[in-house]
Amino acid sequence: MKFRVERTSEKEPPCENCQWEYIGGEINSINTIEINTLEELIEFTRKYGNIIVEVENDPEMMIGPYPLIEIYDTYRE
């Protein structure tokens, strides 16, 4: 499954092996990563630390067609 991936600290790129994907022009580019199994998700978490997985219920509010993995690497409210 493909995920949009970001860091709380806004570090770019957010992780190794992420790919830029353009969704309607360069201004709407996102980083994506492919994670297909629970084991891959656990390994990703071991490598990058705490994550937040977010699925927007309203498709019009989503940035791109993918759910979000946020690497939670700094405090935010």
N, C-alpha and C. Protein backbone atom coordinates (compact mmCIF):
# COMPACT_ATOMS: atom_id res chain seq x y z
N MET A 1 0.85 -1.17 0.00
CA MET A 1 0.00 0.00 0.00
C MET A 1 0.90 1.24 0.00
N LYS A 2 0.49 2.22 -0.75
CA LYS A 2 1.27 3.45 -0.84
C LYS A 2 0.76 4.45 0.19
N PHE A 3 1.71 5.12 0.86
CA PHE A 3 1.41 6.13 1.86
C PHE A 3 2.11 7.44 1.51
N ARG A 4 1.48 8.54 1.83
CA ARG A 4 2.16 9.83 1.84
C ARG A 4 2.96 9.83 3.13
N VAL A 5 4.19 10.36 3.10
CA VAL A 5 5.03 10.34 4.30
C VAL A 5 5.59 11.74 4.56
N GLU A 6 5.50 12.16 5.83
CA GLU A 6 5.99 13.46 6.26
C GLU A 6 6.65 13.30 7.62
N ARG A 7 7.42 14.32 8.02
CA ARG A 7 7.98 14.39 9.37
C ARG A 7 7.37 15.57 10.11
N THR A 8 7.16 15.40 11.40
CA THR A 8 6.68 16.51 12.22
C THR A 8 7.65 17.68 12.13
N SER A 9 8.96 17.38 12.09
CA SER A 9 9.98 18.43 12.02
C SER A 9 10.10 19.04 10.63
N GLU A 10 9.34 18.52 9.68
CA GLU A 10 9.33 19.00 8.29
C GLU A 10 10.66 18.79 7.57
N LYS A 11 11.48 17.85 8.05
CA LYS A 11 12.74 17.52 7.38
C LYS A 11 12.43 16.88 6.03
N GLU A 12 13.17 17.31 5.03
CA GLU A 12 13.00 16.75 3.68
C GLU A 12 14.30 16.12 3.21
N PRO A 13 14.32 15.00 2.61
CA PRO A 13 13.19 14.07 2.50
C PRO A 13 12.91 13.43 3.86
N PRO A 14 11.69 13.01 4.10
CA PRO A 14 11.34 12.49 5.41
C PRO A 14 11.95 11.14 5.75
N CYS A 15 12.29 10.35 4.72
CA CYS A 15 12.87 9.04 4.97
C CYS A 15 13.61 8.55 3.73
N GLU A 16 14.42 7.52 3.92
CA GLU A 16 15.09 6.91 2.77
C GLU A 16 14.05 6.22 1.89
N ASN A 17 14.35 6.13 0.63
CA ASN A 17 13.52 5.40 -0.34
C ASN A 17 12.16 6.02 -0.61
N CYS A 18 11.88 7.22 -0.10
CA CYS A 18 10.61 7.83 -0.46
C CYS A 18 10.76 8.46 -1.84
N GLN A 19 9.66 8.55 -2.52
CA GLN A 19 9.63 9.04 -3.90
C GLN A 19 8.77 10.29 -3.97
N TRP A 20 9.22 11.26 -4.79
CA TRP A 20 8.37 12.43 -5.07
C TRP A 20 7.28 12.00 -6.02
N GLU A 21 6.09 12.44 -5.74
CA GLU A 21 4.98 12.16 -6.64
C GLU A 21 4.24 13.48 -6.86
N TYR A 22 4.01 13.80 -8.11
CA TYR A 22 3.34 15.05 -8.46
C TYR A 22 1.86 14.78 -8.66
N ILE A 23 1.06 15.53 -7.94
CA ILE A 23 -0.40 15.35 -8.03
C ILE A 23 -1.02 16.68 -8.48
N GLY A 24 -0.96 16.92 -9.75
CA GLY A 24 -1.53 18.14 -10.28
C GLY A 24 -0.54 19.28 -10.37
N GLY A 25 0.72 18.95 -10.58
CA GLY A 25 1.74 19.98 -10.73
C GLY A 25 2.73 19.99 -9.58
N GLU A 26 3.85 20.63 -9.81
CA GLU A 26 4.94 20.62 -8.83
C GLU A 26 4.52 21.22 -7.49
N ILE A 27 3.63 22.19 -7.51
CA ILE A 27 3.22 22.81 -6.26
C ILE A 27 2.50 21.82 -5.35
N ASN A 28 1.96 20.76 -5.91
CA ASN A 28 1.26 19.75 -5.15
C ASN A 28 2.03 18.44 -5.07
N SER A 29 3.34 18.52 -4.94
CA SER A 29 4.13 17.30 -4.87
C SER A 29 4.13 16.76 -3.44
N ILE A 30 4.19 15.44 -3.33
CA ILE A 30 4.20 14.78 -2.03
C ILE A 30 5.27 13.69 -2.04
N ASN A 31 5.73 13.30 -0.85
CA ASN A 31 6.62 12.16 -0.70
C ASN A 31 5.77 10.94 -0.44
N THR A 32 6.07 9.84 -1.12
CA THR A 32 5.33 8.61 -0.90
C THR A 32 6.30 7.46 -0.63
N ILE A 33 5.78 6.45 0.04
CA ILE A 33 6.55 5.23 0.30
C ILE A 33 5.59 4.05 0.21
N GLU A 34 6.10 2.94 -0.22
CA GLU A 34 5.30 1.72 -0.35
C GLU A 34 5.57 0.83 0.86
N ILE A 35 4.52 0.50 1.60
CA ILE A 35 4.60 -0.44 2.73
C ILE A 35 3.47 -1.42 2.54
N ASN A 36 3.83 -2.71 2.39
CA ASN A 36 2.83 -3.71 2.02
C ASN A 36 2.46 -4.71 3.10
N THR A 37 3.26 -4.79 4.16
CA THR A 37 2.97 -5.77 5.20
C THR A 37 3.11 -5.11 6.57
N LEU A 38 2.52 -5.75 7.56
CA LEU A 38 2.67 -5.28 8.93
C LEU A 38 4.14 -5.32 9.35
N GLU A 39 4.85 -6.35 8.90
CA GLU A 39 6.28 -6.46 9.21
C GLU A 39 7.06 -5.27 8.66
N GLU A 40 6.74 -4.84 7.44
CA GLU A 40 7.41 -3.67 6.86
C GLU A 40 7.07 -2.40 7.65
N LEU A 41 5.84 -2.29 8.12
CA LEU A 41 5.45 -1.14 8.93
C LEU A 41 6.19 -1.14 10.26
N ILE A 42 6.32 -2.30 10.89
CA ILE A 42 7.06 -2.40 12.15
C ILE A 42 8.53 -2.06 11.93
N GLU A 43 9.13 -2.55 10.86
CA GLU A 43 10.53 -2.23 10.56
C GLU A 43 10.69 -0.73 10.31
N PHE A 44 9.77 -0.12 9.60
CA PHE A 44 9.79 1.32 9.36
C PHE A 44 9.78 2.07 10.70
N THR A 45 8.92 1.63 11.63
CA THR A 45 8.82 2.26 12.95
C THR A 45 10.10 2.05 13.76
N ARG A 46 10.70 0.89 13.67
CA ARG A 46 11.98 0.66 14.36
C ARG A 46 13.06 1.59 13.83
N LYS A 47 13.04 1.84 12.54
CA LYS A 47 14.07 2.67 11.92
C LYS A 47 13.87 4.15 12.21
N TYR A 48 12.62 4.63 12.17
CA TYR A 48 12.35 6.06 12.26
C TYR A 48 11.71 6.51 13.56
N GLY A 49 11.34 5.59 14.43
CA GLY A 49 10.74 5.97 15.71
C GLY A 49 9.23 6.05 15.61
N ASN A 50 8.65 6.79 16.52
CA ASN A 50 7.19 6.89 16.60
C ASN A 50 6.59 7.43 15.31
N ILE A 51 5.46 6.85 14.94
CA ILE A 51 4.74 7.31 13.75
C ILE A 51 3.27 7.52 14.11
N ILE A 52 2.63 8.32 13.29
CA ILE A 52 1.18 8.50 13.35
C ILE A 52 0.65 8.11 11.98
N VAL A 53 -0.34 7.24 11.95
CA VAL A 53 -0.99 6.87 10.69
C VAL A 53 -2.35 7.54 10.68
N GLU A 54 -2.61 8.30 9.63
CA GLU A 54 -3.85 9.07 9.55
C GLU A 54 -4.55 8.79 8.24
N VAL A 55 -5.82 8.48 8.34
CA VAL A 55 -6.65 8.28 7.16
C VAL A 55 -7.78 9.30 7.23
N GLU A 56 -7.82 10.15 6.23
CA GLU A 56 -8.85 11.20 6.19
C GLU A 56 -10.18 10.58 5.77
N ASN A 57 -11.22 10.83 6.55
CA ASN A 57 -12.55 10.30 6.23
C ASN A 57 -13.19 11.01 5.06
N ASP A 58 -12.83 12.27 4.85
CA ASP A 58 -13.37 13.05 3.75
C ASP A 58 -12.36 13.07 2.62
N PRO A 59 -12.59 12.34 1.51
CA PRO A 59 -11.61 12.27 0.43
C PRO A 59 -11.22 13.63 -0.13
N GLU A 60 -12.10 14.62 -0.06
CA GLU A 60 -11.77 15.95 -0.56
C GLU A 60 -10.76 16.67 0.31
N MET A 61 -10.59 16.23 1.55
CA MET A 61 -9.63 16.85 2.47
C MET A 61 -8.25 16.22 2.37
N MET A 62 -8.14 15.08 1.68
CA MET A 62 -6.85 14.40 1.57
C MET A 62 -5.93 15.15 0.64
N ILE A 63 -4.64 15.12 0.96
CA ILE A 63 -3.63 15.65 0.05
C ILE A 63 -3.13 14.46 -0.74
N GLY A 64 -3.60 14.34 -1.95
CA GLY A 64 -3.27 13.16 -2.74
C GLY A 64 -4.19 12.01 -2.37
N PRO A 65 -4.02 10.90 -3.06
CA PRO A 65 -4.93 9.78 -2.87
C PRO A 65 -4.52 8.79 -1.78
N TYR A 66 -3.53 9.14 -0.94
CA TYR A 66 -2.95 8.15 -0.03
C TYR A 66 -3.13 8.55 1.43
N PRO A 67 -3.25 7.55 2.33
CA PRO A 67 -3.22 7.85 3.75
C PRO A 67 -1.84 8.37 4.14
N LEU A 68 -1.75 9.02 5.30
CA LEU A 68 -0.52 9.66 5.75
C LEU A 68 0.18 8.87 6.84
N ILE A 69 1.50 8.73 6.71
CA ILE A 69 2.35 8.31 7.82
C ILE A 69 3.17 9.54 8.19
N GLU A 70 3.02 9.98 9.43
CA GLU A 70 3.83 11.09 9.93
C GLU A 70 4.87 10.53 10.88
N ILE A 71 6.13 10.81 10.61
CA ILE A 71 7.21 10.42 11.51
C ILE A 71 7.24 11.46 12.62
N TYR A 72 6.88 11.07 13.81
CA TYR A 72 6.72 11.99 14.92
C TYR A 72 8.07 12.17 15.62
N ASP A 73 8.89 13.09 15.07
CA ASP A 73 10.26 13.25 15.55
C ASP A 73 10.49 14.53 16.34
N THR A 74 9.45 15.27 16.63
CA THR A 74 9.54 16.45 17.49
C THR A 74 8.14 16.74 18.02
N TYR A 75 8.07 17.50 19.08
CA TYR A 75 6.79 17.82 19.71
C TYR A 75 5.96 18.76 18.84
N ARG A 76 4.66 18.54 18.85
CA ARG A 76 3.69 19.47 18.28
C ARG A 76 2.40 19.35 19.06
N GLU A 77 1.60 20.39 19.02
CA GLU A 77 0.31 20.35 19.73
C GLU A 77 -0.75 19.76 18.87
